[in-house]
PDB file of N, CA and C in Angstrom:
ATOM      1  N   MET A   1       0.844  -1.176   0.000  1.00  0.00           N
ATOM      2  CA  MET A   1       0.000   0.000   0.000  1.00  0.00           C
ATOM      3  C   MET A   1       0.893   1.246   0.000  1.00  0.00           C
ATOM      4  N   GLN A   2       0.642   2.126  -0.900  1.00  0.00           N
ATOM      5  CA  GLN A   2       1.373   3.381  -1.003  1.00  0.00           C
ATOM      6  C   GLN A   2       0.484   4.522  -0.506  1.00  0.00           C
ATOM      7  N   ARG A   3       1.124   5.606  -0.076  1.00  0.00           N
ATOM      8  CA  ARG A   3       0.394   6.784   0.410  1.00  0.00           C
ATOM      9  C   ARG A   3       0.979   8.031  -0.229  1.00  0.00           C
ATOM     10  N   ALA A   4       0.104   8.942  -0.594  1.00  0.00           N
ATOM     11  CA  ALA A   4       0.529  10.258  -1.063  1.00  0.00           C
ATOM     12  C   ALA A   4      -0.326  11.287  -0.325  1.00  0.00           C
ATOM     13  N   ALA A   5       0.325  12.142   0.452  1.00  0.00           N
ATOM     14  CA  ALA A   5      -0.390  13.112   1.279  1.00  0.00           C
ATOM     15  C   ALA A   5      -0.324  14.508   0.663  1.00  0.00           C
ATOM     16  N   VAL A   6      -1.466  15.183   0.667  1.00  0.00           N
ATOM     17  CA  VAL A   6      -1.563  16.561   0.205  1.00  0.00           C
ATOM     18  C   VAL A   6      -1.965  17.408   1.414  1.00  0.00           C
ATOM     19  N   PRO A   7      -1.019  18.196   1.971  1.00  0.00           N
ATOM     20  CA  PRO A   7      -1.382  19.037   3.113  1.00  0.00           C
ATOM     21  C   PRO A   7      -2.094  20.309   2.635  1.00  0.00           C
ATOM     22  N   LEU A   8      -3.212  20.598   3.274  1.00  0.00           N
ATOM     23  CA  LEU A   8      -3.972  21.817   2.963  1.00  0.00           C
ATOM     24  C   LEU A   8      -3.817  22.770   4.142  1.00  0.00           C
ATOM     25  N   ARG A   9      -3.284  23.955   3.870  1.00  0.00           N
ATOM     26  CA  ARG A   9      -3.097  24.952   4.924  1.00  0.00           C
ATOM     27  C   ARG A   9      -3.804  26.238   4.531  1.00  0.00           C
ATOM     28  N   GLY A  10      -4.167  27.017   5.517  1.00  0.00           N
ATOM     29  CA  GLY A  10      -4.780  28.310   5.259  1.00  0.00           C
ATOM     30  C   GLY A  10      -6.254  28.245   4.914  1.00  0.00           C
ATOM     31  N   LEU A  11      -6.880  27.085   5.081  1.00  0.00           N
ATOM     32  CA  LEU A  11      -8.312  26.972   4.782  1.00  0.00           C
ATOM     33  C   LEU A  11      -9.180  27.574   5.883  1.00  0.00           C
ATOM     34  N   PHE A  12      -8.636  27.641   7.100  1.00  0.00           N
ATOM     35  CA  PHE A  12      -9.429  28.049   8.251  1.00  0.00           C
ATOM     36  C   PHE A  12      -8.776  29.225   8.962  1.00  0.00           C
ATOM     37  N   ALA A  13      -9.608  30.152   9.417  1.00  0.00           N
ATOM     38  CA  ALA A  13      -9.113  31.216  10.281  1.00  0.00           C
ATOM     39  C   ALA A  13      -8.755  30.581  11.621  1.00  0.00           C
ATOM     40  N   ARG A  14      -7.987  31.280  12.405  1.00  0.00           N
ATOM     41  CA  ARG A  14      -7.526  30.761  13.698  1.00  0.00           C
ATOM     42  C   ARG A  14      -8.681  30.176  14.516  1.00  0.00           C
ATOM     43  N   LYS A  15      -8.550  28.922  14.899  1.00  0.00           N
ATOM     44  CA  LYS A  15      -9.508  28.180  15.721  1.00  0.00           C
ATOM     45  C   LYS A  15     -10.896  28.021  15.104  1.00  0.00           C
ATOM     46  N   SER A  16     -11.058  28.346  13.835  1.00  0.00           N
ATOM     47  CA  SER A  16     -12.348  28.213  13.162  1.00  0.00           C
ATOM     48  C   SER A  16     -12.490  26.818  12.553  1.00  0.00           C
ATOM     49  N   THR A  17     -13.729  26.402  12.364  1.00  0.00           N
ATOM     50  CA  THR A  17     -13.993  25.134  11.690  1.00  0.00           C
ATOM     51  C   THR A  17     -14.771  25.367  10.389  1.00  0.00           C
ATOM     52  N   VAL A  18     -14.839  26.638   9.964  1.00  0.00           N
ATOM     53  CA  VAL A  18     -15.534  27.010   8.732  1.00  0.00           C
ATOM     54  C   VAL A  18     -14.483  27.379   7.689  1.00  0.00           C
ATOM     55  N   ILE A  19     -14.570  26.770   6.527  1.00  0.00           N
ATOM     56  CA  ILE A  19     -13.610  27.055   5.454  1.00  0.00           C
ATOM     57  C   ILE A  19     -13.766  28.512   5.026  1.00  0.00           C
ATOM     58  N   GLN A  20     -12.619  29.203   4.932  1.00  0.00           N
ATOM     59  CA  GLN A  20     -12.624  30.619   4.573  1.00  0.00           C
ATOM     60  C   GLN A  20     -12.973  30.820   3.102  1.00  0.00           C
ATOM     61  N   PRO A  21     -13.674  31.913   2.803  1.00  0.00           N
ATOM     62  CA  PRO A  21     -13.899  32.262   1.396  1.00  0.00           C
ATOM     63  C   PRO A  21     -12.543  32.424   0.691  1.00  0.00           C
ATOM     64  N   GLY A  22     -12.510  32.088  -0.574  1.00  0.00           N
ATOM     65  CA  GLY A  22     -11.278  32.184  -1.339  1.00  0.00           C
ATOM     66  C   GLY A  22     -10.532  30.860  -1.446  1.00  0.00           C
ATOM     67  N   SER A  23     -11.046  29.829  -0.805  1.00  0.00           N
ATOM     68  CA  SER A  23     -10.399  28.514  -0.837  1.00  0.00           C
ATOM     69  C   SER A  23     -10.983  27.610  -1.916  1.00  0.00           C
ATOM     70  N   GLU A  24     -11.938  28.120  -2.671  1.00  0.00           N
ATOM     71  CA  GLU A  24     -12.654  27.309  -3.645  1.00  0.00           C
ATOM     72  C   GLU A  24     -11.730  26.701  -4.694  1.00  0.00           C
ATOM     73  N   GLY A  25     -10.776  27.480  -5.177  1.00  0.00           N
ATOM     74  CA  GLY A  25      -9.877  26.987  -6.224  1.00  0.00           C
ATOM     75  C   GLY A  25      -9.070  25.784  -5.780  1.00  0.00           C
ATOM     76  N   MET A  26      -8.556  25.841  -4.562  1.00  0.00           N
ATOM     77  CA  MET A  26      -7.775  24.735  -4.025  1.00  0.00           C
ATOM     78  C   MET A  26      -8.653  23.479  -3.889  1.00  0.00           C
ATOM     79  N   LEU A  27      -9.851  23.655  -3.384  1.00  0.00           N
ATOM     80  CA  LEU A  27     -10.759  22.524  -3.203  1.00  0.00           C
ATOM     81  C   LEU A  27     -11.257  21.986  -4.537  1.00  0.00           C
ATOM     82  N   ASP A  28     -11.517  22.874  -5.509  1.00  0.00           N
ATOM     83  CA  ASP A  28     -11.926  22.437  -6.846  1.00  0.00           C
ATOM     84  C   ASP A  28     -10.837  21.586  -7.494  1.00  0.00           C
ATOM     85  N   ALA A  29      -9.593  22.030  -7.384  1.00  0.00           N
ATOM     86  CA  ALA A  29      -8.476  21.302  -7.988  1.00  0.00           C
ATOM     87  C   ALA A  29      -8.296  19.930  -7.322  1.00  0.00           C
ATOM     88  N   LEU A  30      -8.404  19.897  -6.010  1.00  0.00           N
ATOM     89  CA  LEU A  30      -8.268  18.639  -5.289  1.00  0.00           C
ATOM     90  C   LEU A  30      -9.396  17.679  -5.657  1.00  0.00           C
ATOM     91  N   ALA A  31     -10.619  18.181  -5.738  1.00  0.00           N
ATOM     92  CA  ALA A  31     -11.758  17.341  -6.126  1.00  0.00           C
ATOM     93  C   ALA A  31     -11.555  16.781  -7.528  1.00  0.00           C
ATOM     94  N   ALA A  32     -11.009  17.577  -8.431  1.00  0.00           N
ATOM     95  CA  ALA A  32     -10.762  17.108  -9.799  1.00  0.00           C
ATOM     96  C   ALA A  32      -9.767  15.941  -9.800  1.00  0.00           C
ATOM     97  N   VAL A  33      -8.715  16.041  -8.986  1.00  0.00           N
ATOM     98  CA  VAL A  33      -7.737  14.955  -8.905  1.00  0.00           C
ATOM     99  C   VAL A  33      -8.382  13.707  -8.295  1.00  0.00           C
ATOM    100  N   LEU A  34      -9.166  13.891  -7.246  1.00  0.00           N
ATOM    101  CA  LEU A  34      -9.839  12.746  -6.616  1.00  0.00           C
ATOM    102  C   LEU A  34     -10.770  12.043  -7.604  1.00  0.00           C
ATOM    103  N   LYS A  35     -11.474  12.816  -8.409  1.00  0.00           N
ATOM    104  CA  LYS A  35     -12.390  12.213  -9.383  1.00  0.00           C
ATOM    105  C   LYS A  35     -11.638  11.543 -10.531  1.00  0.00           C
ATOM    106  N   LYS A  36     -10.417  11.989 -10.788  1.00  0.00           N
ATOM    107  CA  LYS A  36      -9.605  11.388 -11.847  1.00  0.00           C
ATOM    108  C   LYS A  36      -9.121   9.987 -11.451  1.00  0.00           C
ATOM    109  N   TYR A  37      -9.011   9.742 -10.146  1.00  0.00           N
ATOM    110  CA  TYR A  37      -8.550   8.448  -9.638  1.00  0.00           C
ATOM    111  C   TYR A  37      -9.618   7.855  -8.710  1.00  0.00           C
ATOM    112  N   PRO A  38     -10.731   7.416  -9.273  1.00  0.00           N
ATOM    113  CA  PRO A  38     -11.878   7.003  -8.453  1.00  0.00           C
ATOM    114  C   PRO A  38     -11.671   5.714  -7.661  1.00  0.00           C
ATOM    115  N   THR A  39     -10.642   4.939  -7.963  1.00  0.00           N
ATOM    116  CA  THR A  39     -10.433   3.688  -7.235  1.00  0.00           C
ATOM    117  C   THR A  39      -9.595   3.876  -5.970  1.00  0.00           C
ATOM    118  N   TYR A  40      -8.985   5.036  -5.795  1.00  0.00           N
ATOM    119  CA  TYR A  40      -8.154   5.276  -4.616  1.00  0.00           C
ATOM    120  C   TYR A  40      -9.016   5.602  -3.408  1.00  0.00           C
ATOM    121  N   SER A  41      -8.716   4.964  -2.295  1.00  0.00           N
ATOM    122  CA  SER A  41      -9.330   5.349  -1.028  1.00  0.00           C
ATOM    123  C   SER A  41      -8.618   6.600  -0.527  1.00  0.00           C
ATOM    124  N   VAL A  42      -9.318   7.377   0.290  1.00  0.00           N
ATOM    125  CA  VAL A  42      -8.780   8.661   0.728  1.00  0.00           C
ATOM    126  C   VAL A  42      -9.030   8.845   2.222  1.00  0.00           C
ATOM    127  N   LEU A  43      -7.993   9.287   2.927  1.00  0.00           N
ATOM    128  CA  LEU A  43      -8.131   9.690   4.323  1.00  0.00           C
ATOM    129  C   LEU A  43      -8.114  11.216   4.358  1.00  0.00           C
ATOM    130  N   VAL A  44      -9.004  11.811   5.130  1.00  0.00           N
ATOM    131  CA  VAL A  44      -9.020  13.256   5.349  1.00  0.00           C
ATOM    132  C   VAL A  44      -8.754  13.437   6.839  1.00  0.00           C
ATOM    133  N   VAL A  45      -7.552  13.934   7.166  1.00  0.00           N
ATOM    134  CA  VAL A  45      -7.104  13.977   8.563  1.00  0.00           C
ATOM    135  C   VAL A  45      -6.786  15.415   8.971  1.00  0.00           C
ATOM    136  N   GLY A  46      -7.410  15.853  10.058  1.00  0.00           N
ATOM    137  CA  GLY A  46      -7.160  17.190  10.585  1.00  0.00           C
ATOM    138  C   GLY A  46      -6.102  17.169  11.670  1.00  0.00           C
ATOM    139  N   TYR A  47      -5.304  18.240  11.718  1.00  0.00           N
ATOM    140  CA  TYR A  47      -4.251  18.420  12.727  1.00  0.00           C
ATOM    141  C   TYR A  47      -4.283  19.858  13.224  1.00  0.00           C
ATOM    142  N   THR A  48      -3.809  20.070  14.448  1.00  0.00           N
ATOM    143  CA  THR A  48      -3.709  21.411  15.011  1.00  0.00           C
ATOM    144  C   THR A  48      -2.323  21.613  15.600  1.00  0.00           C
ATOM    145  N   ASP A  49      -2.045  22.841  16.041  1.00  0.00           N
ATOM    146  CA  ASP A  49      -0.859  23.060  16.850  1.00  0.00           C
ATOM    147  C   ASP A  49      -1.175  22.573  18.264  1.00  0.00           C
ATOM    148  N   ASN A  50      -0.287  22.818  19.222  1.00  0.00           N
ATOM    149  CA  ASN A  50      -0.490  22.273  20.562  1.00  0.00           C
ATOM    150  C   ASN A  50      -1.053  23.285  21.565  1.00  0.00           C
ATOM    151  N   ARG A  51      -1.595  24.383  21.088  1.00  0.00           N
ATOM    152  CA  ARG A  51      -2.120  25.406  21.985  1.00  0.00           C
ATOM    153  C   ARG A  51      -3.587  25.157  22.308  1.00  0.00           C
ATOM    154  N   GLY A  52      -3.846  24.680  23.515  1.00  0.00           N
ATOM    155  CA  GLY A  52      -5.195  24.405  23.939  1.00  0.00           C
ATOM    156  C   GLY A  52      -5.293  23.058  24.622  1.00  0.00           C
ATOM    157  N   ARG A  53      -6.486  22.752  25.085  1.00  0.00           N
ATOM    158  CA  ARG A  53      -6.731  21.467  25.749  1.00  0.00           C
ATOM    159  C   ARG A  53      -6.847  20.363  24.710  1.00  0.00           C
ATOM    160  N   ARG A  54      -6.335  19.200  25.060  1.00  0.00           N
ATOM    161  CA  ARG A  54      -6.297  18.072  24.121  1.00  0.00           C
ATOM    162  C   ARG A  54      -7.673  17.764  23.539  1.00  0.00           C
ATOM    163  N   ASP A  55      -8.711  17.718  24.373  1.00  0.00           N
ATOM    164  CA  ASP A  55     -10.041  17.378  23.875  1.00  0.00           C
ATOM    165  C   ASP A  55     -10.563  18.432  22.902  1.00  0.00           C
ATOM    166  N   GLU A  56     -10.250  19.697  23.148  1.00  0.00           N
ATOM    167  CA  GLU A  56     -10.671  20.766  22.224  1.00  0.00           C
ATOM    168  C   GLU A  56      -9.913  20.685  20.911  1.00  0.00           C
ATOM    169  N   LEU A  57      -8.625  20.380  20.985  1.00  0.00           N
ATOM    170  CA  LEU A  57      -7.821  20.260  19.768  1.00  0.00           C
ATOM    171  C   LEU A  57      -8.289  19.089  18.912  1.00  0.00           C
ATOM    172  N   LEU A  58      -8.595  17.970  19.559  1.00  0.00           N
ATOM    173  CA  LEU A  58      -9.110  16.817  18.817  1.00  0.00           C
ATOM    174  C   LEU A  58     -10.446  17.152  18.157  1.00  0.00           C
ATOM    175  N   ALA A  59     -11.330  17.817  18.884  1.00  0.00           N
ATOM    176  CA  ALA A  59     -12.643  18.174  18.333  1.00  0.00           C
ATOM    177  C   ALA A  59     -12.502  19.147  17.174  1.00  0.00           C
ATOM    178  N   ARG A  60     -11.621  20.150  17.315  1.00  0.00           N
ATOM    179  CA  ARG A  60     -11.434  21.128  16.237  1.00  0.00           C
ATOM    180  C   ARG A  60     -10.828  20.473  15.001  1.00  0.00           C
ATOM    181  N   SER A  61      -9.837  19.607  15.195  1.00  0.00           N
ATOM    182  CA  SER A  61      -9.215  18.950  14.041  1.00  0.00           C
ATOM    183  C   SER A  61     -10.216  18.043  13.328  1.00  0.00           C
ATOM    184  N   GLN A  62     -11.071  17.376  14.079  1.00  0.00           N
ATOM    185  CA  GLN A  62     -12.116  16.527  13.499  1.00  0.00           C
ATOM    186  C   GLN A  62     -13.108  17.387  12.715  1.00  0.00           C
ATOM    187  N   ALA A  63     -13.525  18.513  13.285  1.00  0.00           N
ATOM    188  CA  ALA A  63     -14.486  19.391  12.613  1.00  0.00           C
ATOM    189  C   ALA A  63     -13.899  19.988  11.338  1.00  0.00           C
ATOM    190  N   GLN A  64     -12.626  20.342  11.360  1.00  0.00           N
ATOM    191  CA  GLN A  64     -11.993  20.886  10.155  1.00  0.00           C
ATOM    192  C   GLN A  64     -11.878  19.815   9.071  1.00  0.00           C
ATOM    193  N   ALA A  65     -11.506  18.609   9.447  1.00  0.00           N
ATOM    194  CA  ALA A  65     -11.432  17.517   8.470  1.00  0.00           C
ATOM    195  C   ALA A  65     -12.819  17.225   7.897  1.00  0.00           C
ATOM    196  N   THR A  66     -13.833  17.274   8.733  1.00  0.00           N
ATOM    197  CA  THR A  66     -15.203  17.044   8.272  1.00  0.00           C
ATOM    198  C   THR A  66     -15.648  18.143   7.311  1.00  0.00           C
ATOM    199  N   ALA A  67     -15.229  19.375   7.559  1.00  0.00           N
ATOM    200  CA  ALA A  67     -15.569  20.483   6.657  1.00  0.00           C
ATOM    201  C   ALA A  67     -14.945  20.266   5.276  1.00  0.00           C
ATOM    202  N   VAL A  68     -13.697  19.792   5.248  1.00  0.00           N
ATOM    203  CA  VAL A  68     -13.039  19.511   3.966  1.00  0.00           C
ATOM    204  C   VAL A  68     -13.737  18.340   3.273  1.00  0.00           C
ATOM    205  N   TYR A  69     -14.047  17.299   4.016  1.00  0.00           N
ATOM    206  CA  TYR A  69     -14.787  16.155   3.481  1.00  0.00           C
ATOM    207  C   TYR A  69     -16.094  16.628   2.841  1.00  0.00           C
ATOM    208  N   SER A  70     -16.861  17.433   3.553  1.00  0.00           N
ATOM    209  CA  SER A  70     -18.143  17.933   3.035  1.00  0.00           C
ATOM    210  C   SER A  70     -17.956  18.775   1.783  1.00  0.00           C
ATOM    211  N   ALA A  71     -16.903  19.585   1.769  1.00  0.00           N
ATOM    212  CA  ALA A  71     -16.622  20.406   0.588  1.00  0.00           C
ATOM    213  C   ALA A  71     -16.297  19.529  -0.617  1.00  0.00           C
ATOM    214  N   LEU A  72     -15.559  18.446  -0.396  1.00  0.00           N
ATOM    215  CA  LEU A  72     -15.216  17.541  -1.497  1.00  0.00           C
ATOM    216  C   LEU A  72     -16.437  16.761  -1.977  1.00  0.00           C
ATOM    217  N   VAL A  73     -17.268  16.296  -1.053  1.00  0.00           N
ATOM    218  CA  VAL A  73     -18.503  15.609  -1.431  1.00  0.00           C
ATOM    219  C   VAL A  73     -19.386  16.570  -2.232  1.00  0.00           C
ATOM    220  N   GLY A  74     -19.442  17.822  -1.821  1.00  0.00           N
ATOM    221  CA  GLY A  74     -20.211  18.834  -2.537  1.00  0.00           C
ATOM    222  C   GLY A  74     -19.690  19.097  -3.942  1.00  0.00           C
ATOM    223  N   ARG A  75     -18.459  18.707  -4.196  1.00  0.00           N
ATOM    224  CA  ARG A  75     -17.852  18.867  -5.519  1.00  0.00           C
ATOM    225  C   ARG A  75     -17.877  17.563  -6.313  1.00  0.00           C
ATOM    226  N   GLY A  76     -18.638  16.585  -5.827  1.00  0.00           N
ATOM    227  CA  GLY A  76     -18.840  15.365  -6.597  1.00  0.00           C
ATOM    228  C   GLY A  76     -17.944  14.190  -6.262  1.00  0.00           C
ATOM    229  N   VAL A  77     -17.139  14.298  -5.219  1.00  0.00           N
ATOM    230  CA  VAL A  77     -16.310  13.163  -4.813  1.00  0.00           C
ATOM    231  C   VAL A  77     -17.186  12.200  -4.016  1.00  0.00           C
ATOM    232  N   GLU A  78     -17.068  10.900  -4.305  1.00  0.00           N
ATOM    233  CA  GLU A  78     -17.879   9.888  -3.629  1.00  0.00           C
ATOM    234  C   GLU A  78     -17.556   9.841  -2.135  1.00  0.00           C
ATOM    235  N   ALA A  79     -18.579   9.998  -1.315  1.00  0.00           N
ATOM    236  CA  ALA A  79     -18.410  10.010   0.139  1.00  0.00           C
ATOM    237  C   ALA A  79     -17.840   8.694   0.657  1.00  0.00           C
ATOM    238  N   LYS A  80     -18.254   7.582   0.079  1.00  0.00           N
ATOM    239  CA  LYS A  80     -17.847   6.274   0.603  1.00  0.00           C
ATOM    240  C   LYS A  80     -16.364   5.978   0.408  1.00  0.00           C
ATOM    241  N   ARG A  81     -15.678   6.751  -0.414  1.00  0.00           N
ATOM    242  CA  ARG A  81     -14.236   6.570  -0.628  1.00  0.00           C
ATOM    243  C   ARG A  81     -13.407   7.168   0.488  1.00  0.00           C
ATOM    244  N   MET A  82     -13.998   8.072   1.264  1.00  0.00           N
ATOM    245  CA  MET A  82     -13.232   8.867   2.212  1.00  0.00           C
ATOM    246  C   MET A  82     -13.519   8.472   3.660  1.00  0.00           C
ATOM    247  N   VAL A  83     -12.469   8.509   4.450  1.00  0.00           N
ATOM    248  CA  VAL A  83     -12.557   8.313   5.897  1.00  0.00           C
ATOM    249  C   VAL A  83     -12.008   9.578   6.539  1.00  0.00           C
ATOM    250  N   VAL A  84     -12.719  10.092   7.542  1.00  0.00           N
ATOM    251  CA  VAL A  84     -12.367  11.356   8.180  1.00  0.00           C
ATOM    252  C   VAL A  84     -11.902  11.096   9.604  1.00  0.00           C
ATOM    253  N   SER A  85     -10.831  11.793  10.011  1.00  0.00           N
ATOM    254  CA  SER A  85     -10.399  11.715  11.410  1.00  0.00           C
ATOM    255  C   SER A  85      -9.724  13.012  11.817  1.00  0.00           C
ATOM    256  N   GLY A  86      -9.669  13.213  13.126  1.00  0.00           N
ATOM    257  CA  GLY A  86      -8.991  14.377  13.690  1.00  0.00           C
ATOM    258  C   GLY A  86      -7.933  13.915  14.664  1.00  0.00           C
ATOM    259  N   ASN A  87      -6.699  14.341  14.460  1.00  0.00           N
ATOM    260  CA  ASN A  87      -5.589  13.903  15.299  1.00  0.00           C
ATOM    261  C   ASN A  87      -5.104  14.985  16.254  1.00  0.00           C
ATOM    262  N   GLY A  88      -5.747  16.150  16.264  1.00  0.00           N
ATOM    263  CA  GLY A  88      -5.328  17.205  17.183  1.00  0.00           C
ATOM    264  C   GLY A  88      -3.876  17.582  16.969  1.00  0.00           C
ATOM    265  N   ALA A  89      -3.136  17.680  18.079  1.00  0.00           N
ATOM    266  CA  ALA A  89      -1.732  18.112  18.023  1.00  0.00           C
ATOM    267  C   ALA A  89      -0.762  16.963  17.779  1.00  0.00           C
ATOM    268  N   ASP A  90      -1.283  15.746  17.613  1.00  0.00           N
ATOM    269  CA  ASP A  90      -0.407  14.606  17.329  1.00  0.00           C
ATOM    270  C   ASP A  90       0.232  14.777  15.942  1.00  0.00           C
ATOM    271  N   GLU A  91       1.415  14.264  15.782  1.00  0.00           N
ATOM    272  CA  GLU A  91       2.147  14.273  14.510  1.00  0.00           C
ATOM    273  C   GLU A  91       2.440  15.678  13.965  1.00  0.00           C
ATOM    274  N   PRO A  92       3.055  16.543  14.767  1.00  0.00           N
ATOM    275  CA  PRO A  92       3.427  17.865  14.244  1.00  0.00           C
ATOM    276  C   PRO A  92       4.494  17.730  13.155  1.00  0.00           C
ATOM    277  N   VAL A  93       4.459  18.651  12.214  1.00  0.00           N
ATOM    278  CA  VAL A  93       5.470  18.665  11.155  1.00  0.00           C
ATOM    279  C   VAL A  93       6.489  19.772  11.376  1.00  0.00           C
ATOM    280  N   SER A  94       6.257  20.588  12.410  1.00  0.00           N
ATOM    281  CA  SER A  94       7.154  21.701  12.706  1.00  0.00           C
ATOM    282  C   SER A  94       7.126  21.980  14.201  1.00  0.00           C
ATOM    283  N   ASP A  95       7.950  22.918  14.605  1.00  0.00           N
ATOM    284  CA  ASP A  95       8.081  23.306  16.013  1.00  0.00           C
ATOM    285  C   ASP A  95       6.904  24.187  16.425  1.00  0.00           C
ATOM    286  N   ASN A  96       6.240  23.840  17.508  1.00  0.00           N
ATOM    287  CA  ASN A  96       5.102  24.625  17.988  1.00  0.00           C
ATOM    288  C   ASN A  96       5.506  25.863  18.776  1.00  0.00           C
ATOM    289  N   ARG A  97       6.798  26.107  18.942  1.00  0.00           N
ATOM    290  CA  ARG A  97       7.244  27.277  19.711  1.00  0.00           C
ATOM    291  C   ARG A  97       7.226  28.564  18.906  1.00  0.00           C
ATOM    292  N   THR A  98       7.070  28.456  17.594  1.00  0.00           N
ATOM    293  CA  THR A  98       7.052  29.659  16.752  1.00  0.00           C
ATOM    294  C   THR A  98       5.715  29.789  16.043  1.00  0.00           C
ATOM    295  N   THR A  99       5.363  31.010  15.675  1.00  0.00           N
ATOM    296  CA  THR A  99       4.122  31.258  14.935  1.00  0.00           C
ATOM    297  C   THR A  99       4.148  30.515  13.599  1.00  0.00           C
ATOM    298  N   ALA A 100       5.278  30.573  12.918  1.00  0.00           N
ATOM    299  CA  ALA A 100       5.398  29.903  11.619  1.00  0.00           C
ATOM    300  C   ALA A 100       5.264  28.387  11.775  1.00  0.00           C
ATOM    301  N   GLY A 101       5.862  27.838  12.807  1.00  0.00           N
ATOM    302  CA  GLY A 101       5.764  26.402  13.044  1.00  0.00           C
ATOM    303  C   GLY A 101       4.340  25.980  13.354  1.00  0.00           C
ATOM    304  N   ARG A 102       3.655  26.760  14.178  1.00  0.00           N
ATOM    305  CA  ARG A 102       2.261  26.444  14.501  1.00  0.00           C
ATOM    306  C   ARG A 102       1.388  26.519  13.253  1.00  0.00           C
ATOM    307  N   ALA A 103       1.668  27.484  12.376  1.00  0.00           N
ATOM    308  CA  ALA A 103       0.899  27.613  11.134  1.00  0.00           C
ATOM    309  C   ALA A 103       1.056  26.357  10.275  1.00  0.00           C
ATOM    310  N   LEU A 104       2.250  25.775  10.258  1.00  0.00           N
ATOM    311  CA  LEU A 104       2.477  24.551   9.489  1.00  0.00           C
ATOM    312  C   LEU A 104       1.755  23.354  10.110  1.00  0.00           C
ATOM    313  N   ASN A 105       1.648  23.347  11.418  1.00  0.00           N
ATOM    314  CA  ASN A 105       0.993  22.223  12.101  1.00  0.00           C
ATOM    315  C   ASN A 105      -0.524  22.268  11.987  1.00  0.00           C
ATOM    316  N   ASN A 106      -1.097  23.444  11.790  1.00  0.00           N
ATOM    317  CA  ASN A 106      -2.543  23.578  11.585  1.00  0.00           C
ATOM    318  C   ASN A 106      -2.841  23.279  10.129  1.00  0.00           C
ATOM    319  N   ARG A 107      -3.334  22.066   9.890  1.00  0.00           N
ATOM    320  CA  ARG A 107      -3.527  21.635   8.504  1.00  0.00           C
ATOM    321  C   ARG A 107      -4.554  20.513   8.449  1.00  0.00           C
ATOM    322  N   VAL A 108      -5.054  20.278   7.250  1.00  0.00           N
ATOM    323  CA  VAL A 108      -5.825  19.077   6.955  1.00  0.00           C
ATOM    324  C   VAL A 108      -5.070  18.377   5.841  1.00  0.00           C
ATOM    325  N   GLU A 109      -4.781  17.107   6.048  1.00  0.00           N
ATOM    326  CA  GLU A 109      -4.096  16.326   5.020  1.00  0.00           C
ATOM    327  C   GLU A 109      -5.107  15.432   4.314  1.00  0.00           C
ATOM    328  N   VAL A 110      -5.031  15.431   2.997  1.00  0.00           N
ATOM    329  CA  VAL A 110      -5.820  14.505   2.184  1.00  0.00           C
ATOM    330  C   VAL A 110      -4.811  13.461   1.694  1.00  0.00           C
ATOM    331  N   ILE A 111      -5.015  12.229   2.133  1.00  0.00           N
ATOM    332  CA  ILE A 111      -4.051  11.166   1.903  1.00  0.00           C
ATOM    333  C   ILE A 111      -4.646  10.133   0.946  1.00  0.00           C
ATOM    334  N   PHE A 112      -4.014   9.981  -0.208  1.00  0.00           N
ATOM    335  CA  PHE A 112      -4.420   8.989  -1.200  1.00  0.00           C
ATOM    336  C   PHE A 112      -3.770   7.663  -0.835  1.00  0.00           C
ATOM    337  N   LEU A 113      -4.564   6.601  -0.833  1.00  0.00           N
ATOM    338  CA  LEU A 113      -4.054   5.247  -0.577  1.00  0.00           C
ATOM    339  C   LEU A 113      -4.200   4.443  -1.870  1.00  0.00           C
ATOM    340  N   TYR A 114      -3.100   3.864  -2.334  1.00  0.00           N
ATOM    341  CA  TYR A 114      -3.134   3.126  -3.599  1.00  0.00           C
ATOM    342  C   TYR A 114      -2.090   2.021  -3.587  1.00  0.00           C
ATOM    343  N   GLN A 115      -2.218   1.095  -4.557  1.00  0.00           N
ATOM    344  CA  GLN A 115      -1.251  -0.007  -4.661  1.00  0.00           C
ATOM    345  C   GLN A 115      -0.449   0.116  -5.921  1.00  0.00           C
TER     346      GLN A 115
END
């Protein structure tokens, strides 16, 4: 099983779970790629920085991943292909001590699974 991850950043305002206006192009392009490879399963995983209580971070990351999932389904991607989860502050890709590092950790990854 192979994996290819596409990190999506800047979709949400700080601590928001609503996709910001102006993100349509990124989501349209991603939906087009997903529809081009209809046999691939997809994970939609939300992540946050480490600022806040663990339960709140998990809930926010789950809600953000669900928002991306809903946006993709709204663009014609089959819902049954996707699994959604929120990992909170687990698996940071950068240092949470800096603003720039926290910005990198706040993301939703769309992960293609294929053989």
